[in-house]
Amino acid sequence: MKNLKSPKEIVARVLKISIDQLNDDSAYGETPNWDSLNHIDIINELENNYEIQIPDSDIENYMTIKAIVKLYKKLKNAPLQNE
């Protein structure tokens, strides 16, 4: 697996906001620019960067930074901790 970008870096880039505007509580519909279209872009970027496939039925499980970080940690096989 290639060197993974941090979840916050991916989300900030897609949303065109500063990474400093994101925290574990950042979520779809509550974070600037995180609407339905950008959410699909986030999922696509996660899939491309992490070389995974997220089934359509699981997309709603990744609607917070906390959930995306958890996925990242699982893929990195590292203990869960704040990113």
Protein backbone atom coordinates (compact mmCIF):
# COMPACT_ATOMS: atom_id res chain seq x y z
CA MET A 1 0.00 0.00 0.00
CA LYS A 2 1.34 3.43 -0.89
CA ASN A 3 2.01 6.22 1.55
CA LEU A 4 -1.45 7.30 2.67
CA LYS A 5 -2.53 10.91 2.95
CA SER A 6 -4.22 11.83 6.20
CA PRO A 7 -8.02 11.81 6.19
CA LYS A 8 -8.14 15.44 7.23
CA GLU A 9 -5.83 16.39 4.37
CA ILE A 10 -8.10 14.62 1.87
CA VAL A 11 -11.30 16.14 3.26
CA ALA A 12 -9.82 19.65 3.49
CA ARG A 13 -8.59 19.47 -0.09
CA VAL A 14 -11.97 18.28 -1.44
CA LEU A 15 -13.89 20.87 0.57
CA LYS A 16 -11.37 23.62 -0.27
CA ILE A 17 -11.00 24.61 3.37
CA SER A 18 -8.09 24.80 5.77
CA ILE A 19 -7.21 21.57 7.57
CA ASP A 20 -7.39 23.68 10.75
CA GLN A 21 -11.15 23.97 10.23
CA LEU A 22 -11.54 20.20 10.72
CA ASN A 23 -11.77 18.22 13.95
CA ASP A 24 -13.18 14.82 14.93
CA ASP A 25 -16.66 16.32 15.19
CA SER A 26 -16.60 17.77 11.67
CA ALA A 27 -19.40 16.20 9.68
CA TYR A 28 -21.45 16.18 6.51
CA GLY A 29 -23.93 19.04 6.49
CA GLU A 30 -22.23 20.85 9.38
CA THR A 31 -18.80 21.60 7.92
CA PRO A 32 -18.35 24.33 5.29
CA ASN A 33 -18.81 22.94 1.75
CA TRP A 34 -19.51 19.37 2.95
CA ASP A 35 -22.64 18.78 0.90
CA SER A 36 -23.85 15.67 -0.94
CA LEU A 37 -21.73 16.27 -4.06
CA ASN A 38 -18.56 16.93 -2.10
CA HIS A 39 -19.29 13.90 0.07
CA ILE A 40 -19.18 11.70 -3.03
CA ASP A 41 -15.90 13.41 -4.00
CA ILE A 42 -14.51 12.66 -0.53
CA ILE A 43 -15.48 9.00 -0.88
CA ASN A 44 -13.86 8.86 -4.33
CA GLU A 45 -10.66 10.43 -2.99
CA LEU A 46 -10.59 7.99 -0.07
CA GLU A 47 -11.03 5.07 -2.45
CA ASN A 48 -8.29 6.32 -4.78
CA ASN A 49 -5.81 7.25 -2.09
CA TYR A 50 -6.33 4.18 0.08
CA GLU A 51 -6.77 1.81 -2.88
CA ILE A 52 -10.05 0.48 -1.50
CA GLN A 53 -13.64 0.15 -2.65
CA ILE A 54 -16.34 1.51 -0.36
CA PRO A 55 -19.67 -0.14 -1.17
CA ASP A 56 -22.54 2.26 -1.82
CA SER A 57 -24.32 0.81 1.20
CA ASP A 58 -21.40 1.89 3.44
CA ILE A 59 -21.01 5.48 2.20
CA GLU A 60 -23.25 6.83 4.96
CA ASN A 61 -20.87 5.29 7.55
CA TYR A 62 -18.18 7.82 6.59
CA MET A 63 -19.96 11.11 7.17
CA THR A 64 -17.72 12.38 9.98
CA ILE A 65 -14.01 12.98 10.30
CA LYS A 66 -14.01 10.59 13.27
CA ALA A 67 -15.38 7.74 11.11
CA ILE A 68 -12.95 8.49 8.28
CA VAL A 69 -9.99 8.59 10.69
CA LYS A 70 -11.13 5.23 12.09
CA LEU A 71 -11.08 3.78 8.57
CA TYR A 72 -7.61 5.26 8.00
CA LYS A 73 -6.27 3.76 11.23
CA LYS A 74 -7.76 0.39 10.33
CA LEU A 75 -6.05 0.51 6.95
CA LYS A 76 -2.76 1.58 8.51
CA ASN A 77 -3.19 -1.15 11.13
CA ALA A 78 -2.31 1.34 13.83
CA PRO A 79 -3.86 1.87 17.25
CA LEU A 80 -6.74 4.33 17.24
CA GLN A 81 -5.75 7.81 18.27
CA ASN A 82 -6.58 11.34 17.26
CA GLU A 83 -5.00 12.31 13.98
